[in-house]
Protein backbone atom coordinates (compact mmCIF):
# COMPACT_ATOMS: atom_id res chain seq x y z
CA UNK A 1 -39.65 3.03 42.19
CA UNK A 2 -37.85 5.99 43.57
CA UNK A 3 -34.80 7.54 41.80
CA UNK A 4 -31.78 9.53 43.11
CA UNK A 5 -28.83 11.25 41.78
CA UNK A 6 -25.41 10.05 43.03
CA UNK A 7 -22.39 12.28 42.62
CA UNK A 8 -18.73 11.29 43.20
CA UNK A 9 -16.64 14.42 43.27
CA UNK A 10 -13.00 13.92 42.50
CA UNK A 11 -9.95 16.07 41.88
CA UNK A 12 -9.93 15.21 38.17
CA UNK A 13 -13.32 14.01 37.23
CA UNK A 14 -17.00 14.38 38.57
CA UNK A 15 -19.00 11.16 37.99
CA UNK A 16 -22.76 10.98 38.47
CA UNK A 17 -25.74 8.92 37.59
CA UNK A 18 -29.30 8.11 38.38
CA UNK A 19 -29.59 5.29 40.87
CA UNK A 20 -32.96 3.68 42.05
CA UNK A 21 -33.84 2.59 45.42
CA UNK A 22 -32.38 -0.79 45.09
CA UNK A 23 -28.97 0.59 44.05
CA UNK A 24 -29.32 -0.09 40.32
CA UNK A 25 -27.42 2.66 38.40
CA UNK A 26 -29.68 3.62 35.39
CA UNK A 27 -27.40 6.33 33.91
CA UNK A 28 -23.63 7.15 34.16
CA UNK A 29 -22.11 10.22 33.19
CA UNK A 30 -18.94 12.22 33.92
CA UNK A 31 -17.29 15.73 33.36
CA UNK A 32 -13.84 17.18 34.00
CA UNK A 33 -13.77 18.82 37.55
CA UNK A 34 -13.81 22.61 37.14
CA UNK A 35 -10.86 24.73 38.22
CA UNK A 36 -13.09 27.52 40.15
CA UNK A 37 -16.02 27.67 42.21
CA UNK A 38 -18.51 29.35 39.89
CA UNK A 39 -17.80 26.89 37.02
CA UNK A 40 -18.27 24.12 39.57
CA UNK A 41 -21.68 25.24 40.43
CA UNK A 42 -22.73 25.86 37.02
CA UNK A 43 -21.68 22.37 35.77
CA UNK A 44 -23.21 20.70 38.81
CA UNK A 45 -26.59 22.49 38.27
CA UNK A 46 -26.54 21.61 34.46
CA UNK A 47 -26.04 17.75 35.38
CA UNK A 48 -28.78 17.88 37.97
CA UNK A 49 -31.26 19.68 35.41
CA UNK A 50 -30.11 16.92 32.78
CA UNK A 51 -31.08 14.09 35.20
CA UNK A 52 -34.36 15.76 36.19
CA UNK A 53 -35.40 16.06 32.63
CA UNK A 54 -35.27 12.28 32.04
CA UNK A 55 -36.26 11.15 35.56
CA UNK A 56 -38.48 12.02 38.66
CA UNK A 57 -35.59 12.57 41.17
CA UNK A 58 -36.41 12.55 44.98
CA UNK A 59 -33.11 13.44 46.49
CA UNK A 60 -29.29 13.81 45.76
CA UNK A 61 -26.19 12.07 47.43
CA UNK A 62 -22.92 13.67 47.02
CA UNK A 63 -19.49 11.88 47.71
CA UNK A 64 -17.05 14.66 48.33
CA UNK A 65 -13.29 14.64 49.21
CA UNK A 66 -11.94 16.15 52.46
CA UNK A 67 -13.12 16.99 55.96
CA UNK A 68 -16.79 17.41 55.99
CA UNK A 69 -19.36 17.88 58.94
CA UNK A 70 -22.31 15.95 57.35
CA UNK A 71 -24.67 17.61 59.77
CA UNK A 72 -23.86 21.32 59.30
CA UNK A 73 -22.26 20.94 55.73
CA UNK A 74 -19.13 22.68 56.63
CA UNK A 75 -16.08 21.56 54.71
CA UNK A 76 -12.72 22.57 56.61
CA UNK A 77 -10.91 21.01 53.66
CA UNK A 78 -12.26 19.96 50.34
CA UNK A 79 -9.42 17.94 49.14
CA UNK A 80 -8.00 18.89 45.68
CA UNK A 81 -10.93 21.47 45.30
CA UNK A 82 -9.21 24.08 47.52
CA UNK A 83 -11.42 26.78 45.96
CA UNK A 84 -13.98 25.20 48.28
CA UNK A 85 -12.06 25.00 51.49
CA UNK A 86 -14.14 26.46 54.46
CA UNK A 87 -17.35 26.25 52.22
CA UNK A 88 -20.81 25.16 53.82
CA UNK A 89 -21.41 22.57 51.12
CA UNK A 90 -25.10 21.92 52.12
CA UNK A 91 -25.76 25.63 51.85
CA UNK A 92 -24.07 25.92 48.47
CA UNK A 93 -25.75 22.88 46.89
CA UNK A 94 -28.93 23.81 48.60
CA UNK A 95 -28.94 27.11 46.55
CA UNK A 96 -28.54 25.11 43.35
CA UNK A 97 -31.56 22.77 43.82
CA UNK A 98 -34.73 22.35 45.76
CA UNK A 99 -34.15 18.71 46.04
CA UNK A 100 -33.19 17.19 49.43
CA UNK A 101 -29.41 16.24 49.49
CA UNK A 102 -26.64 14.90 51.69
CA UNK A 103 -22.98 15.46 51.39
CA UNK A 104 -20.42 12.99 53.01
CA UNK A 105 -16.59 12.12 52.80
CA UNK A 106 -15.89 10.13 49.84
CA UNK A 107 -13.91 7.29 51.60
CA UNK A 108 -17.05 7.16 53.94
CA UNK A 109 -19.34 6.95 51.00
CA UNK A 110 -17.20 4.15 49.49
CA UNK A 111 -17.56 2.08 52.58
CA UNK A 112 -21.17 2.50 52.61
CA UNK A 113 -21.41 1.67 48.91
CA UNK A 114 -19.65 -1.80 49.48
CA UNK A 115 -21.75 -2.45 52.57
CA UNK A 116 -24.86 -1.85 50.48
CA UNK A 117 -24.16 -3.38 47.05
CA UNK A 118 -20.61 -4.67 47.12
CA UNK A 119 -18.12 -6.88 48.92
CA UNK A 120 -19.51 -5.89 52.43
CA UNK A 121 -23.12 -6.97 51.89
CA UNK A 122 -22.88 -9.90 54.30
CA UNK A 123 -21.08 -7.98 57.14
CA UNK A 124 -22.47 -5.87 59.90
CA UNK A 125 -19.05 -4.52 60.93
CA UNK A 126 -16.31 -3.62 58.36
CA UNK A 127 -13.38 -1.33 57.55
CA UNK A 128 -12.76 -0.11 54.24
CA UNK A 129 -9.20 1.20 53.21
CA UNK A 130 -8.67 2.86 49.93
CA UNK A 131 -5.19 3.06 48.44
CA UNK A 132 -4.47 5.98 46.01
CA UNK A 133 -2.40 9.01 46.09
CA UNK A 134 -3.12 9.06 49.63
CA UNK A 135 -5.01 6.60 51.97
CA UNK A 136 -8.66 6.83 53.02
CA UNK A 137 -10.86 4.93 54.94
CA UNK A 138 -14.41 4.11 56.20
CA UNK A 139 -15.67 2.46 59.24
CA UNK A 140 -18.99 0.54 59.60
CA UNK A 141 -20.18 -0.62 63.04
CA UNK A 142 -23.56 -2.37 63.20
CA UNK A 143 -24.14 -1.20 59.52
CA UNK A 144 -23.96 2.40 60.51
CA UNK A 145 -21.32 4.66 59.45
CA UNK A 146 -18.74 5.53 62.36
CA UNK A 147 -17.59 9.26 61.87
CA UNK A 148 -16.05 9.89 65.14
CA UNK A 149 -16.53 13.06 67.36
CA UNK A 150 -14.99 15.25 65.01
CA UNK A 151 -15.87 13.53 61.76
CA UNK A 152 -12.16 12.28 61.34
CA UNK A 153 -12.85 8.64 61.81
CA UNK A 154 -11.09 6.58 59.13
CA UNK A 155 -8.16 8.82 58.57
CA UNK A 156 -6.09 5.78 58.33
CA UNK A 157 -3.32 7.70 56.17
CA UNK A 158 -1.93 9.40 59.30
CA UNK A 159 -1.09 6.26 61.04
CA UNK A 160 2.77 5.99 61.53
CA UNK A 161 4.04 2.88 59.72
CA UNK A 162 7.53 3.72 58.50
CA UNK A 163 10.83 2.78 60.26
CA UNK A 164 11.27 6.20 61.12
CA UNK A 165 7.74 7.29 61.73
CA UNK A 166 6.47 7.87 58.13
CA UNK A 167 2.65 7.87 57.86
CA UNK A 168 0.87 5.54 55.57
CA UNK A 169 -0.04 8.34 53.18
CA UNK A 170 3.67 8.76 52.40
CA UNK A 171 4.83 5.19 52.15
CA UNK A 172 2.00 2.59 52.16
CA UNK A 173 -0.32 4.41 49.45
CA UNK A 174 -0.10 3.52 45.83
CA UNK A 175 1.96 6.79 45.42
CA UNK A 176 4.16 5.33 48.17
CA UNK A 177 4.60 2.13 46.11
CA UNK A 178 5.39 3.82 42.87
CA UNK A 179 8.05 5.93 44.78
CA UNK A 180 9.84 3.05 46.23
CA UNK A 181 9.82 0.95 42.97
CA UNK A 182 11.07 4.14 41.09
CA UNK A 183 14.05 4.21 43.49
CA UNK A 184 14.67 0.61 43.34
CA UNK A 185 14.68 0.73 39.43
CA UNK A 186 16.52 4.26 39.33
CA UNK A 187 14.04 5.45 36.80
CA UNK A 188 12.43 8.61 36.12
CA UNK A 189 8.73 9.01 36.87
CA UNK A 190 7.70 9.25 33.14
CA UNK A 191 9.40 5.80 32.59
CA UNK A 192 7.99 3.98 35.51
CA UNK A 193 5.92 0.91 34.56
CA UNK A 194 2.29 0.67 35.72
CA UNK A 195 1.21 -1.18 38.81
CA UNK A 196 0.16 -4.44 37.17
CA UNK A 197 3.54 -4.59 35.46
CA UNK A 198 5.45 -4.02 38.70
CA UNK A 199 3.82 -7.01 40.38
CA UNK A 200 4.57 -9.12 37.31
CA UNK A 201 8.04 -7.99 37.13
CA UNK A 202 9.03 -8.32 40.53
CA UNK A 203 9.41 -12.00 40.38
CA UNK A 204 12.58 -11.73 38.12
CA UNK A 205 13.72 -8.37 39.66
CA UNK A 206 15.29 -8.79 43.07
CA UNK A 207 15.49 -4.88 43.69
CA UNK A 208 11.99 -4.47 42.65
CA UNK A 209 10.93 -7.45 44.83
CA UNK A 210 12.63 -5.84 47.79
CA UNK A 211 10.94 -2.63 47.31
CA UNK A 212 7.41 -4.21 46.92
CA UNK A 213 8.07 -6.37 49.88
CA UNK A 214 8.99 -3.25 52.04
CA UNK A 215 5.76 -1.35 50.87
CA UNK A 216 3.74 -4.61 51.81
CA UNK A 217 5.34 -4.52 55.27
CA UNK A 218 4.44 -0.81 55.65
CA UNK A 219 0.80 -1.43 54.47
CA UNK A 220 0.46 -4.63 56.80
CA UNK A 221 1.48 -2.37 59.80
CA UNK A 222 -1.40 0.01 59.14
CA UNK A 223 -3.78 -2.91 58.43
CA UNK A 224 -2.71 -4.66 61.70
CA UNK A 225 -3.36 -1.27 63.73
CA UNK A 226 -6.73 -0.80 62.23
CA UNK A 227 -7.91 -4.41 62.97
CA UNK A 228 -6.60 -4.34 66.55
CA UNK A 229 -8.53 -1.18 67.03
CA UNK A 230 -11.96 -2.06 65.52
CA UNK A 231 -12.03 -5.79 65.43
CA UNK A 232 -14.10 -5.70 62.22
CA UNK A 233 -15.55 -8.83 60.62
CA UNK A 234 -13.74 -8.09 57.23
CA UNK A 235 -11.31 -5.54 55.81
CA UNK A 236 -11.95 -4.32 52.34
CA UNK A 237 -9.09 -2.76 50.37
CA UNK A 238 -9.95 -0.20 47.52
CA UNK A 239 -8.16 1.55 44.75
CA UNK A 240 -6.46 0.33 41.50
CA UNK A 241 -3.77 -1.68 43.47
CA UNK A 242 -6.46 -3.69 45.24
CA UNK A 243 -7.16 -5.59 42.08
CA UNK A 244 -3.56 -7.14 42.09
CA UNK A 245 -4.01 -10.71 43.30
CA UNK A 246 -0.51 -10.92 44.64
CA UNK A 247 -1.23 -8.12 47.05
CA UNK A 248 -3.08 -10.32 49.57
CA UNK A 249 -0.52 -13.09 49.89
CA UNK A 250 2.11 -10.41 50.46
CA UNK A 251 0.00 -8.73 53.18
CA UNK A 252 -0.49 -12.13 54.79
CA UNK A 253 3.09 -13.01 55.00
CA UNK A 254 3.72 -9.93 56.89
CA UNK A 255 0.72 -10.05 58.99
CA UNK A 256 1.58 -13.47 60.21
CA UNK A 257 4.78 -12.13 61.88
CA UNK A 258 2.86 -9.77 64.15
CA UNK A 259 2.16 -10.75 67.69
CA UNK A 260 -1.60 -12.02 68.33
CA UNK A 261 -2.24 -12.19 64.58
CA UNK A 262 -3.63 -15.59 64.98
CA UNK A 263 -6.08 -14.28 67.39
CA UNK A 264 -6.98 -11.00 65.74
CA UNK A 265 -6.97 -12.13 62.00
CA UNK A 266 -10.03 -11.30 59.84
CA UNK A 267 -10.47 -11.86 56.15
CA UNK A 268 -9.04 -9.21 53.85
CA UNK A 269 -10.78 -8.93 50.44
CA UNK A 270 -10.79 -6.46 47.43
CA UNK A 271 -13.76 -3.92 47.01
CA UNK A 272 -16.01 -4.92 44.33
CA UNK A 273 -17.70 -1.78 42.97
CA UNK A 274 -14.66 0.47 41.88
CA UNK A 275 -15.36 4.15 41.53
CA UNK A 276 -19.16 3.26 41.55
CA UNK A 277 -19.14 2.79 45.34
CA UNK A 278 -18.91 6.45 46.43
CA UNK A 279 -22.14 7.21 44.44
CA UNK A 280 -23.96 4.39 45.69
CA UNK A 281 -22.97 5.14 49.35
CA UNK A 282 -23.98 8.83 48.87
CA UNK A 283 -27.40 7.70 47.59
CA UNK A 284 -27.65 5.17 50.40
CA UNK A 285 -27.40 8.15 52.76
CA UNK A 286 -29.98 10.18 50.78
CA UNK A 287 -32.41 7.43 50.83
CA UNK A 288 -32.05 7.05 54.64
CA UNK A 289 -32.64 10.99 54.92
CA UNK A 290 -35.71 10.98 52.92
CA UNK A 291 -37.20 7.73 54.09
CA UNK A 292 -40.55 7.97 56.22
CA UNK A 293 -39.85 7.70 59.83
CA UNK A 294 -40.07 4.10 61.23
CA UNK A 295 -38.37 2.70 58.03
């Protein structure tokens, strides 16, 4: 059975593992994201060598933050890894290994991972929205990744959803939720409760409940816009806040108020794979790249 290395490059940690052709992860490792380009290259090469020592690897898939042209490898922006802005990632990684490899935006990889082994397995057309410090997204059409003509498809975070035109990144992300709740509770950032506690406490705190409700309305506006544009079979929500069961009734209450929701509505479910999704999606692409023609 063929084996691949899947990397998920984040601003804080780099997670990687050996994954077989069926999507089973055989190893799972991580290390802190380096603070400069040379250390990044050295650590990445060491990780690949360690995997190759134990397994016969046929290709590498890399889930990477930022705006990436997957055909040329050019990264106009590399997310939090600003020392790799304007870098050609395919050339850079190609100098570190002789293995075939692919590099793709992390939110796109997460969508592909959920399609392959997660909550999207039963669907041909889906949208994945990830809620974190900002908002990312991936679009799957007929079980193929839709990237857009400039590789910016899925940049849902720039959709204006606020009462004064604020974008989703600013007020509908997990960071936006914490900001609204901090204002409602009049607490400094270091004293803020975690997300799970916020959803528990809002039942008995009217100010917190109003803040969460406002955030839910902003998020619902973005979700409604995405559904109206792409008409998917399902919307998958990722990120830590997606695990809160109260999120989905909150979203539905706001969505039901929008014109034509009865006609447009589709199921909205949490993602299933957590931070494993990006690695799996990257390997799915690597598998496609190295498969014999006709398969």
